[in-house]
Amino acid sequence: MEISRSILMFNFLLLIILLNACSRNDSVDSNSTNINAPMPANVNAENVPQDNVEELAKIIKLDFTPEEATFSEVNPNTKNNNRSVSAPNEKKLVAVLKFSSENANQVAALAEKYKPAIPADIDAENWFPAELIAQSQLTGDESLKGSAYAANDFLQTPYADGKLTRINNTDYFILELTSF
């Protein structure tokens, strides 16, 4: 009986030590990862996607408030594009907007007044919502299929041109605006 108590006590102490060590390591690792993780070299501060709908509403016109919005504003000069000359104030905005089903249908109907919808493919970005990334992986070519419309209802200075693509079988829209 004496051996059983010793084994039981040893196992109990071992369990406490293991649990204590595991919980301490998890919190240290997660905190140090989040705080000390370096930003990749190819990501500029302006390329980091944002999800503040109020901030987006300052940049573009939003007649309907989206349920979700993620967007990224970039200066095309920071990327290697095939344009021969580009002005330093050129901008491009890519936004992923999710509307309620009712509002999504209204947005599409209003956009179609400017130009009939045409089939379109959009390459999925790594910052798009998980649902869209998963849908793009189903196609095999990492693209999203949808219907493209004119983006006139979203244009606001400095943006002068763009397109709005409703992703098939969803209430998601990809808005691409440019200042050039």
N, C-alpha and C. Protein backbone atom coordinates (compact mmCIF):
# COMPACT_ATOMS: atom_id res chain seq x y z
N MET A 1 0.82 -1.18 0.00
CA MET A 1 0.00 0.00 0.00
C MET A 1 0.87 1.26 0.00
N GLU A 2 2.03 1.16 0.67
CA GLU A 2 2.95 2.29 0.75
C GLU A 2 3.47 2.66 -0.64
N ILE A 3 3.72 1.69 -1.49
CA ILE A 3 4.20 1.93 -2.83
C ILE A 3 3.12 2.60 -3.66
N SER A 4 1.88 2.22 -3.50
CA SER A 4 0.77 2.80 -4.24
C SER A 4 0.62 4.28 -3.93
N ARG A 5 0.74 4.65 -2.65
CA ARG A 5 0.64 6.05 -2.27
C ARG A 5 1.79 6.86 -2.88
N SER A 6 2.97 6.27 -2.87
CA SER A 6 4.13 6.97 -3.43
C SER A 6 3.96 7.17 -4.94
N ILE A 7 3.49 6.16 -5.61
CA ILE A 7 3.28 6.27 -7.06
C ILE A 7 2.17 7.27 -7.35
N LEU A 8 1.10 7.22 -6.59
CA LEU A 8 -0.01 8.15 -6.76
C LEU A 8 0.45 9.59 -6.52
N MET A 9 1.22 9.84 -5.48
CA MET A 9 1.72 11.17 -5.17
C MET A 9 2.68 11.65 -6.27
N PHE A 10 3.54 10.76 -6.74
CA PHE A 10 4.48 11.11 -7.81
C PHE A 10 3.72 11.49 -9.08
N ASN A 11 2.73 10.70 -9.45
CA ASN A 11 1.93 10.98 -10.64
C ASN A 11 1.17 12.30 -10.52
N PHE A 12 0.64 12.57 -9.34
CA PHE A 12 -0.08 13.81 -9.11
C PHE A 12 0.86 15.02 -9.24
N LEU A 13 2.02 14.96 -8.68
CA LEU A 13 3.00 16.06 -8.79
C LEU A 13 3.47 16.23 -10.24
N LEU A 14 3.67 15.14 -10.91
CA LEU A 14 4.09 15.20 -12.31
C LEU A 14 3.01 15.85 -13.17
N LEU A 15 1.78 15.51 -12.91
CA LEU A 15 0.67 16.11 -13.65
C LEU A 15 0.59 17.62 -13.41
N ILE A 16 0.75 18.06 -12.18
CA ILE A 16 0.72 19.50 -11.86
C ILE A 16 1.87 20.22 -12.56
N ILE A 17 3.04 19.64 -12.54
CA ILE A 17 4.20 20.26 -13.18
C ILE A 17 3.99 20.36 -14.69
N LEU A 18 3.48 19.32 -15.32
CA LEU A 18 3.25 19.34 -16.75
C LEU A 18 2.18 20.36 -17.15
N LEU A 19 1.09 20.39 -16.42
CA LEU A 19 0.03 21.36 -16.72
C LEU A 19 0.52 22.78 -16.53
N ASN A 20 1.27 23.01 -15.49
CA ASN A 20 1.80 24.35 -15.23
C ASN A 20 2.79 24.76 -16.34
N ALA A 21 3.63 23.86 -16.76
CA ALA A 21 4.61 24.16 -17.81
C ALA A 21 3.92 24.42 -19.14
N CYS A 22 2.89 23.65 -19.46
CA CYS A 22 2.18 23.83 -20.73
C CYS A 22 1.47 25.17 -20.76
N SER A 23 0.78 25.52 -19.71
CA SER A 23 0.03 26.78 -19.72
C SER A 23 0.97 27.97 -19.77
N ARG A 24 2.09 27.92 -19.11
CA ARG A 24 3.06 29.01 -19.13
C ARG A 24 3.66 29.16 -20.52
N ASN A 25 4.01 28.09 -21.18
CA ASN A 25 4.61 28.16 -22.51
C ASN A 25 3.64 28.68 -23.56
N ASP A 26 2.36 28.27 -23.49
CA ASP A 26 1.39 28.73 -24.47
C ASP A 26 1.21 30.24 -24.41
N SER A 27 1.07 30.79 -23.20
CA SER A 27 0.84 32.22 -23.10
C SER A 27 2.08 33.01 -23.49
N VAL A 28 3.25 32.52 -23.16
CA VAL A 28 4.48 33.22 -23.54
C VAL A 28 4.65 33.17 -25.05
N ASP A 29 4.42 32.00 -25.66
CA ASP A 29 4.60 31.88 -27.10
C ASP A 29 3.61 32.74 -27.87
N SER A 30 2.34 32.73 -27.46
CA SER A 30 1.35 33.50 -28.22
C SER A 30 1.60 34.99 -28.07
N ASN A 31 1.98 35.44 -26.91
CA ASN A 31 2.26 36.86 -26.74
C ASN A 31 3.50 37.29 -27.50
N SER A 32 4.54 36.50 -27.42
CA SER A 32 5.76 36.90 -28.11
C SER A 32 5.59 36.83 -29.62
N THR A 33 4.77 35.90 -30.10
CA THR A 33 4.54 35.81 -31.53
C THR A 33 3.79 37.04 -32.03
N ASN A 34 2.77 37.45 -31.32
CA ASN A 34 1.97 38.59 -31.76
C ASN A 34 2.73 39.90 -31.64
N ILE A 35 3.49 40.06 -30.60
CA ILE A 35 4.17 41.33 -30.36
C ILE A 35 5.43 41.45 -31.19
N ASN A 36 6.20 40.40 -31.26
CA ASN A 36 7.52 40.49 -31.86
C ASN A 36 7.58 40.01 -33.31
N ALA A 37 6.47 39.62 -33.88
CA ALA A 37 6.50 39.11 -35.25
C ALA A 37 6.86 40.24 -36.21
N PRO A 38 7.91 40.06 -37.00
CA PRO A 38 8.29 41.11 -37.94
C PRO A 38 7.30 41.16 -39.10
N MET A 39 7.10 42.37 -39.63
CA MET A 39 6.25 42.53 -40.80
C MET A 39 7.04 42.08 -42.02
N PRO A 40 6.45 41.30 -42.91
CA PRO A 40 7.18 40.88 -44.10
C PRO A 40 7.71 42.09 -44.86
N ALA A 41 8.85 41.91 -45.50
CA ALA A 41 9.52 43.01 -46.18
C ALA A 41 8.71 43.55 -47.35
N ASN A 42 7.89 42.72 -47.99
CA ASN A 42 7.16 43.17 -49.17
C ASN A 42 5.80 43.78 -48.84
N VAL A 43 5.50 44.02 -47.56
CA VAL A 43 4.24 44.61 -47.16
C VAL A 43 4.48 46.03 -46.67
N ASN A 44 3.91 47.00 -47.39
CA ASN A 44 3.95 48.38 -46.95
C ASN A 44 2.81 48.62 -45.99
N ALA A 45 2.93 49.64 -45.16
CA ALA A 45 1.86 49.97 -44.23
C ALA A 45 0.57 50.29 -44.99
N GLU A 46 0.69 50.90 -46.17
CA GLU A 46 -0.50 51.25 -46.94
C GLU A 46 -1.15 50.04 -47.59
N ASN A 47 -0.45 48.92 -47.70
CA ASN A 47 -1.00 47.72 -48.32
C ASN A 47 -1.73 46.82 -47.34
N VAL A 48 -1.67 47.13 -46.06
CA VAL A 48 -2.31 46.31 -45.06
C VAL A 48 -3.82 46.50 -45.14
N PRO A 49 -4.56 45.43 -45.33
CA PRO A 49 -6.01 45.54 -45.45
C PRO A 49 -6.64 46.10 -44.17
N GLN A 50 -7.70 46.86 -44.35
CA GLN A 50 -8.45 47.44 -43.24
C GLN A 50 -9.88 46.91 -43.29
N ASP A 51 -10.57 46.99 -42.16
CA ASP A 51 -11.94 46.50 -42.13
C ASP A 51 -12.90 47.48 -41.46
N ASN A 52 -12.56 48.76 -41.43
CA ASN A 52 -13.37 49.77 -40.80
C ASN A 52 -14.32 50.37 -41.85
N VAL A 53 -15.61 50.07 -41.74
CA VAL A 53 -16.60 50.52 -42.72
C VAL A 53 -16.69 52.05 -42.72
N GLU A 54 -16.59 52.66 -41.53
CA GLU A 54 -16.66 54.13 -41.45
C GLU A 54 -15.50 54.77 -42.20
N GLU A 55 -14.33 54.20 -42.10
CA GLU A 55 -13.16 54.71 -42.82
C GLU A 55 -13.34 54.55 -44.33
N LEU A 56 -13.88 53.42 -44.74
CA LEU A 56 -14.14 53.19 -46.16
C LEU A 56 -15.16 54.19 -46.69
N ALA A 57 -16.17 54.53 -45.88
CA ALA A 57 -17.20 55.47 -46.30
C ALA A 57 -16.64 56.88 -46.51
N LYS A 58 -15.49 57.18 -45.94
CA LYS A 58 -14.83 58.47 -46.17
C LYS A 58 -14.11 58.49 -47.51
N ILE A 59 -13.77 57.30 -48.02
CA ILE A 59 -12.99 57.18 -49.24
C ILE A 59 -13.87 57.02 -50.48
N ILE A 60 -14.97 56.28 -50.33
CA ILE A 60 -15.87 56.02 -51.45
C ILE A 60 -17.30 56.29 -51.04
N LYS A 61 -18.19 56.34 -52.01
CA LYS A 61 -19.62 56.48 -51.72
C LYS A 61 -20.18 55.11 -51.36
N LEU A 62 -20.94 55.06 -50.29
CA LEU A 62 -21.62 53.82 -49.90
C LEU A 62 -23.09 54.13 -49.70
N ASP A 63 -23.91 53.83 -50.71
CA ASP A 63 -25.35 54.05 -50.59
C ASP A 63 -26.00 53.02 -49.68
N PHE A 64 -25.41 51.84 -49.60
CA PHE A 64 -25.88 50.77 -48.72
C PHE A 64 -24.73 50.39 -47.81
N THR A 65 -25.00 50.24 -46.53
CA THR A 65 -23.95 49.88 -45.59
C THR A 65 -23.71 48.37 -45.67
N PRO A 66 -22.46 47.98 -45.95
CA PRO A 66 -22.18 46.54 -46.01
C PRO A 66 -22.15 45.91 -44.63
N GLU A 67 -22.48 44.62 -44.58
CA GLU A 67 -22.38 43.87 -43.33
C GLU A 67 -20.91 43.65 -42.97
N GLU A 68 -20.08 43.46 -43.99
CA GLU A 68 -18.64 43.29 -43.83
C GLU A 68 -17.94 44.08 -44.92
N ALA A 69 -16.76 44.60 -44.59
CA ALA A 69 -15.96 45.30 -45.59
C ALA A 69 -14.49 45.14 -45.24
N THR A 70 -13.71 44.76 -46.21
CA THR A 70 -12.26 44.70 -46.09
C THR A 70 -11.71 45.37 -47.33
N PHE A 71 -10.73 46.26 -47.13
CA PHE A 71 -10.23 46.99 -48.28
C PHE A 71 -8.75 47.30 -48.14
N SER A 72 -8.15 47.55 -49.29
CA SER A 72 -6.73 47.89 -49.34
C SER A 72 -6.53 48.95 -50.41
N GLU A 73 -5.88 50.04 -50.02
CA GLU A 73 -5.54 51.11 -50.95
C GLU A 73 -4.06 51.01 -51.25
N VAL A 74 -3.71 51.04 -52.51
CA VAL A 74 -2.30 50.94 -52.90
C VAL A 74 -1.95 52.00 -53.92
N ASN A 75 -0.69 52.34 -53.95
CA ASN A 75 -0.14 53.21 -54.98
C ASN A 75 0.50 52.28 -55.99
N PRO A 76 0.03 52.26 -57.23
CA PRO A 76 0.57 51.32 -58.21
C PRO A 76 2.07 51.49 -58.42
N ASN A 77 2.63 52.62 -58.06
CA ASN A 77 4.07 52.84 -58.22
C ASN A 77 4.89 51.91 -57.32
N THR A 78 4.26 51.39 -56.25
CA THR A 78 4.99 50.52 -55.34
C THR A 78 5.09 49.10 -55.86
N LYS A 79 4.35 48.79 -56.89
CA LYS A 79 4.39 47.45 -57.47
C LYS A 79 5.00 47.52 -58.86
N ASN A 80 5.48 46.41 -59.33
CA ASN A 80 6.02 46.36 -60.68
C ASN A 80 4.86 46.10 -61.63
N ASN A 81 4.36 47.19 -62.20
CA ASN A 81 3.33 47.02 -63.20
C ASN A 81 3.92 47.39 -64.56
N ASN A 82 3.24 47.09 -65.60
CA ASN A 82 3.79 47.28 -66.93
C ASN A 82 3.44 48.64 -67.52
N ARG A 83 3.17 49.62 -66.69
CA ARG A 83 2.89 50.96 -67.17
C ARG A 83 4.20 51.69 -67.36
N SER A 84 4.32 52.42 -68.44
CA SER A 84 5.57 53.10 -68.74
C SER A 84 5.75 54.35 -67.87
N VAL A 85 4.70 55.11 -67.66
CA VAL A 85 4.78 56.31 -66.84
C VAL A 85 3.61 56.31 -65.89
N SER A 86 3.86 56.57 -64.63
CA SER A 86 2.76 56.65 -63.68
C SER A 86 3.00 57.82 -62.74
N ALA A 87 1.93 58.54 -62.45
CA ALA A 87 2.03 59.70 -61.59
C ALA A 87 2.11 59.26 -60.13
N PRO A 88 2.77 60.06 -59.30
CA PRO A 88 2.94 59.67 -57.90
C PRO A 88 1.63 59.65 -57.11
N ASN A 89 0.59 60.31 -57.61
CA ASN A 89 -0.67 60.34 -56.86
C ASN A 89 -1.69 59.32 -57.36
N GLU A 90 -1.27 58.41 -58.21
CA GLU A 90 -2.18 57.36 -58.66
C GLU A 90 -2.48 56.41 -57.52
N LYS A 91 -3.75 56.03 -57.43
CA LYS A 91 -4.16 55.12 -56.37
C LYS A 91 -5.06 54.03 -56.93
N LYS A 92 -5.06 52.92 -56.24
CA LYS A 92 -5.97 51.83 -56.57
C LYS A 92 -6.56 51.33 -55.27
N LEU A 93 -7.84 51.10 -55.27
CA LEU A 93 -8.53 50.58 -54.10
C LEU A 93 -9.19 49.26 -54.48
N VAL A 94 -8.99 48.26 -53.66
CA VAL A 94 -9.68 46.98 -53.82
C VAL A 94 -10.44 46.75 -52.51
N ALA A 95 -11.74 46.54 -52.62
CA ALA A 95 -12.56 46.33 -51.44
C ALA A 95 -13.43 45.10 -51.63
N VAL A 96 -13.56 44.33 -50.58
CA VAL A 96 -14.48 43.19 -50.56
C VAL A 96 -15.64 43.62 -49.68
N LEU A 97 -16.83 43.67 -50.27
CA LEU A 97 -18.02 44.13 -49.56
C LEU A 97 -19.04 43.00 -49.51
N LYS A 98 -19.59 42.77 -48.33
CA LYS A 98 -20.66 41.78 -48.20
C LYS A 98 -21.90 42.53 -47.72
N PHE A 99 -22.96 42.43 -48.52
CA PHE A 99 -24.22 43.07 -48.21
C PHE A 99 -25.24 42.02 -47.78
N SER A 100 -26.31 42.48 -47.15
CA SER A 100 -27.43 41.58 -46.89
C SER A 100 -27.97 41.15 -48.25
N SER A 101 -28.70 40.06 -48.29
CA SER A 101 -29.22 39.55 -49.57
C SER A 101 -30.06 40.60 -50.29
N GLU A 102 -30.91 41.29 -49.54
CA GLU A 102 -31.78 42.31 -50.13
C GLU A 102 -30.95 43.45 -50.70
N ASN A 103 -30.00 43.96 -49.92
CA ASN A 103 -29.16 45.07 -50.38
C ASN A 103 -28.26 44.64 -51.54
N ALA A 104 -27.78 43.41 -51.51
CA ALA A 104 -26.92 42.92 -52.60
C ALA A 104 -27.67 42.95 -53.92
N ASN A 105 -28.92 42.53 -53.90
CA ASN A 105 -29.73 42.55 -55.13
C ASN A 105 -29.97 43.98 -55.60
N GLN A 106 -30.17 44.91 -54.66
CA GLN A 106 -30.39 46.31 -55.02
C GLN A 106 -29.12 46.93 -55.58
N VAL A 107 -27.97 46.63 -54.98
CA VAL A 107 -26.69 47.16 -55.47
C VAL A 107 -26.46 46.68 -56.91
N ALA A 108 -26.70 45.40 -57.15
CA ALA A 108 -26.51 44.85 -58.51
C ALA A 108 -27.48 45.49 -59.50
N ALA A 109 -28.73 45.67 -59.10
CA ALA A 109 -29.73 46.26 -60.00
C ALA A 109 -29.36 47.71 -60.34
N LEU A 110 -28.91 48.48 -59.37
CA LEU A 110 -28.51 49.87 -59.62
C LEU A 110 -27.28 49.93 -60.51
N ALA A 111 -26.33 49.05 -60.28
CA ALA A 111 -25.10 49.05 -61.09
C ALA A 111 -25.39 48.65 -62.53
N GLU A 112 -26.36 47.78 -62.71
CA GLU A 112 -26.67 47.30 -64.06
C GLU A 112 -27.33 48.39 -64.91
N LYS A 113 -27.82 49.45 -64.28
CA LYS A 113 -28.41 50.56 -65.04
C LYS A 113 -27.34 51.29 -65.85
N TYR A 114 -26.09 51.28 -65.39
CA TYR A 114 -25.02 51.95 -66.10
C TYR A 114 -24.47 51.11 -67.25
N LYS A 115 -24.41 49.81 -67.02
CA LYS A 115 -23.83 48.91 -68.01
C LYS A 115 -24.28 47.49 -67.67
N PRO A 116 -24.71 46.73 -68.67
CA PRO A 116 -25.14 45.35 -68.39
C PRO A 116 -23.98 44.52 -67.80
N ALA A 117 -24.35 43.57 -66.98
CA ALA A 117 -23.34 42.70 -66.36
C ALA A 117 -22.66 41.83 -67.39
N ILE A 118 -21.36 41.62 -67.18
CA ILE A 118 -20.60 40.72 -68.05
C ILE A 118 -19.85 39.72 -67.16
N PRO A 119 -19.64 38.50 -67.63
CA PRO A 119 -18.89 37.52 -66.83
C PRO A 119 -17.49 38.03 -66.53
N ALA A 120 -17.00 37.74 -65.33
CA ALA A 120 -15.66 38.21 -64.93
C ALA A 120 -15.01 37.20 -64.00
N ASP A 121 -13.69 37.19 -64.04
CA ASP A 121 -12.87 36.40 -63.12
C ASP A 121 -12.00 37.35 -62.33
N ILE A 122 -11.88 37.09 -61.03
CA ILE A 122 -11.04 37.91 -60.15
C ILE A 122 -10.09 36.97 -59.44
N ASP A 123 -8.81 37.34 -59.41
CA ASP A 123 -7.84 36.56 -58.64
C ASP A 123 -8.07 36.84 -57.15
N ALA A 124 -8.16 35.79 -56.37
CA ALA A 124 -8.37 35.93 -54.92
C ALA A 124 -7.07 36.37 -54.26
N GLU A 125 -7.16 37.38 -53.43
CA GLU A 125 -6.02 37.87 -52.65
C GLU A 125 -5.98 37.11 -51.33
N ASN A 126 -4.81 37.04 -50.72
CA ASN A 126 -4.69 36.29 -49.47
C ASN A 126 -5.41 36.96 -48.30
N TRP A 127 -5.82 38.22 -48.43
CA TRP A 127 -6.53 38.90 -47.36
C TRP A 127 -8.05 38.88 -47.55
N PHE A 128 -8.53 38.26 -48.60
CA PHE A 128 -9.97 38.14 -48.80
C PHE A 128 -10.56 37.26 -47.70
N PRO A 129 -11.86 37.38 -47.44
CA PRO A 129 -12.51 36.51 -46.44
C PRO A 129 -12.32 35.03 -46.78
N ALA A 130 -12.26 34.22 -45.75
CA ALA A 130 -11.99 32.78 -45.90
C ALA A 130 -12.99 32.12 -46.85
N GLU A 131 -14.24 32.55 -46.81
CA GLU A 131 -15.26 31.97 -47.69
C GLU A 131 -14.90 32.16 -49.16
N LEU A 132 -14.39 33.33 -49.51
CA LEU A 132 -14.02 33.59 -50.90
C LEU A 132 -12.75 32.86 -51.30
N ILE A 133 -11.80 32.78 -50.40
CA ILE A 133 -10.57 32.03 -50.69
C ILE A 133 -10.91 30.57 -50.93
N ALA A 134 -11.77 30.01 -50.09
CA ALA A 134 -12.18 28.61 -50.27
C ALA A 134 -12.90 28.42 -51.60
N GLN A 135 -13.75 29.36 -51.96
CA GLN A 135 -14.47 29.27 -53.24
C GLN A 135 -13.50 29.35 -54.41
N SER A 136 -12.47 30.18 -54.29
CA SER A 136 -11.50 30.30 -55.38
C SER A 136 -10.69 29.02 -55.54
N GLN A 137 -10.47 28.31 -54.47
CA GLN A 137 -9.70 27.07 -54.54
C GLN A 137 -10.51 25.95 -55.20
N LEU A 138 -11.82 26.06 -55.17
CA LEU A 138 -12.67 25.06 -55.82
C LEU A 138 -12.57 25.13 -57.34
N THR A 139 -12.25 26.31 -57.87
CA THR A 139 -12.18 26.47 -59.33
C THR A 139 -10.92 25.85 -59.91
N GLY A 140 -9.91 25.68 -59.08
CA GLY A 140 -8.66 25.11 -59.56
C GLY A 140 -7.69 26.13 -60.10
N ASP A 141 -8.15 27.33 -60.41
CA ASP A 141 -7.24 28.36 -60.93
C ASP A 141 -7.12 29.55 -59.98
N GLU A 142 -7.58 29.37 -58.74
CA GLU A 142 -7.47 30.40 -57.70
C GLU A 142 -8.20 31.69 -58.07
N SER A 143 -9.24 31.60 -58.90
CA SER A 143 -9.99 32.80 -59.26
C SER A 143 -11.43 32.67 -58.79
N LEU A 144 -12.06 33.82 -58.70
CA LEU A 144 -13.47 33.89 -58.33
C LEU A 144 -14.28 34.26 -59.56
N LYS A 145 -15.36 33.58 -59.78
CA LYS A 145 -16.23 33.84 -60.93
C LYS A 145 -17.36 34.74 -60.48
N GLY A 146 -17.71 35.68 -61.36
CA GLY A 146 -18.79 36.57 -61.01
C GLY A 146 -19.29 37.36 -62.20
N SER A 147 -20.09 38.40 -61.89
CA SER A 147 -20.64 39.29 -62.90
C SER A 147 -20.13 40.69 -62.61
N ALA A 148 -19.51 41.32 -63.62
CA ALA A 148 -18.92 42.65 -63.46
C ALA A 148 -19.90 43.73 -63.92
N TYR A 149 -19.94 44.80 -63.14
CA TYR A 149 -20.79 45.95 -63.41
C TYR A 149 -19.94 47.21 -63.38
N ALA A 150 -20.54 48.31 -63.80
CA ALA A 150 -19.88 49.61 -63.64
C ALA A 150 -19.93 49.99 -62.16
N ALA A 151 -18.91 50.69 -61.70
CA ALA A 151 -18.82 51.06 -60.28
C ALA A 151 -19.17 52.52 -60.05
N ASN A 152 -19.95 53.12 -60.93
CA ASN A 152 -20.26 54.55 -60.87
C ASN A 152 -20.81 55.00 -59.52
N ASP A 153 -21.64 54.19 -58.89
CA ASP A 153 -22.26 54.57 -57.62
C ASP A 153 -21.28 54.64 -56.46
N PHE A 154 -20.07 54.16 -56.64
CA PHE A 154 -19.07 54.16 -55.57
C PHE A 154 -17.99 55.22 -55.77
N LEU A 155 -17.92 55.81 -56.96
CA LEU A 155 -16.84 56.73 -57.29
C LEU A 155 -16.91 58.02 -56.49
N GLN A 156 -15.75 58.41 -55.98
CA GLN A 156 -15.58 59.65 -55.26
C GLN A 156 -14.12 60.05 -55.41
N THR A 157 -13.84 61.33 -55.52
CA THR A 157 -12.48 61.81 -55.72
C THR A 157 -11.56 61.20 -54.66
N PRO A 158 -10.43 60.67 -55.03
CA PRO A 158 -9.68 60.78 -56.26
C PRO A 158 -9.99 59.69 -57.28
N TYR A 159 -10.92 58.79 -56.99
CA TYR A 159 -11.18 57.67 -57.87
C TYR A 159 -12.08 58.08 -59.04
N ALA A 160 -11.67 57.68 -60.24
CA ALA A 160 -12.35 58.12 -61.45
C ALA A 160 -12.91 56.96 -62.27
N ASP A 161 -12.47 55.74 -62.02
CA ASP A 161 -12.90 54.61 -62.83
C ASP A 161 -12.88 53.36 -61.97
N GLY A 162 -13.61 52.35 -62.41
CA GLY A 162 -13.59 51.10 -61.66
C GLY A 162 -14.63 50.13 -62.10
N LYS A 163 -14.63 48.98 -61.43
CA LYS A 163 -15.64 47.96 -61.71
C LYS A 163 -16.06 47.31 -60.40
N LEU A 164 -17.26 46.80 -60.43
CA LEU A 164 -17.86 46.13 -59.29
C LEU A 164 -18.22 44.73 -59.75
N THR A 165 -17.69 43.72 -59.07
CA THR A 165 -17.96 42.34 -59.46
C THR A 165 -18.69 41.61 -58.34
N ARG A 166 -19.87 41.11 -58.66
CA ARG A 166 -20.60 40.28 -57.69
C ARG A 166 -20.15 38.85 -57.88
N ILE A 167 -19.68 38.23 -56.81
CA ILE A 167 -19.19 36.86 -56.87
C ILE A 167 -20.40 35.92 -56.93
N ASN A 168 -20.34 34.99 -57.88
CA ASN A 168 -21.45 34.06 -58.09
C ASN A 168 -21.86 33.34 -56.81
N ASN A 169 -23.17 33.21 -56.62
CA ASN A 169 -23.76 32.46 -55.52
C ASN A 169 -23.42 33.02 -54.15
N THR A 170 -23.10 34.32 -54.06
CA THR A 170 -22.81 34.94 -52.77
C THR A 170 -23.40 36.35 -52.76
N ASP A 171 -23.30 36.99 -51.61
CA ASP A 171 -23.66 38.40 -51.48
C ASP A 171 -22.40 39.25 -51.36
N TYR A 172 -21.28 38.70 -51.80
CA TYR A 172 -20.00 39.42 -51.81
C TYR A 172 -19.80 40.14 -53.13
N PHE A 173 -19.21 41.33 -53.04
CA PHE A 173 -18.82 42.11 -54.20
C PHE A 173 -17.34 42.47 -54.05
N ILE A 174 -16.63 42.48 -55.16
CA ILE A 174 -15.25 42.97 -55.19
C ILE A 174 -15.30 44.29 -55.94
N LEU A 175 -14.91 45.36 -55.27
CA LEU A 175 -14.90 46.69 -55.85
C LEU A 175 -13.46 47.06 -56.15
N GLU A 176 -13.19 47.40 -57.40
CA GLU A 176 -11.85 47.83 -57.81
C GLU A 176 -11.96 49.23 -58.41
N LEU A 177 -11.33 50.20 -57.75
CA LEU A 177 -11.36 51.58 -58.22
C LEU A 177 -9.94 52.07 -58.47
N THR A 178 -9.80 52.94 -59.48
CA THR A 178 -8.50 53.53 -59.76
C THR A 178 -8.66 55.04 -59.95
N SER A 179 -7.57 55.75 -59.70
CA SER A 179 -7.59 57.20 -59.90
C SER A 179 -7.06 57.57 -61.27
N PHE A 180 -6.73 56.59 -62.09
CA PHE A 180 -6.17 56.87 -63.42
C PHE A 180 -7.03 56.29 -64.51
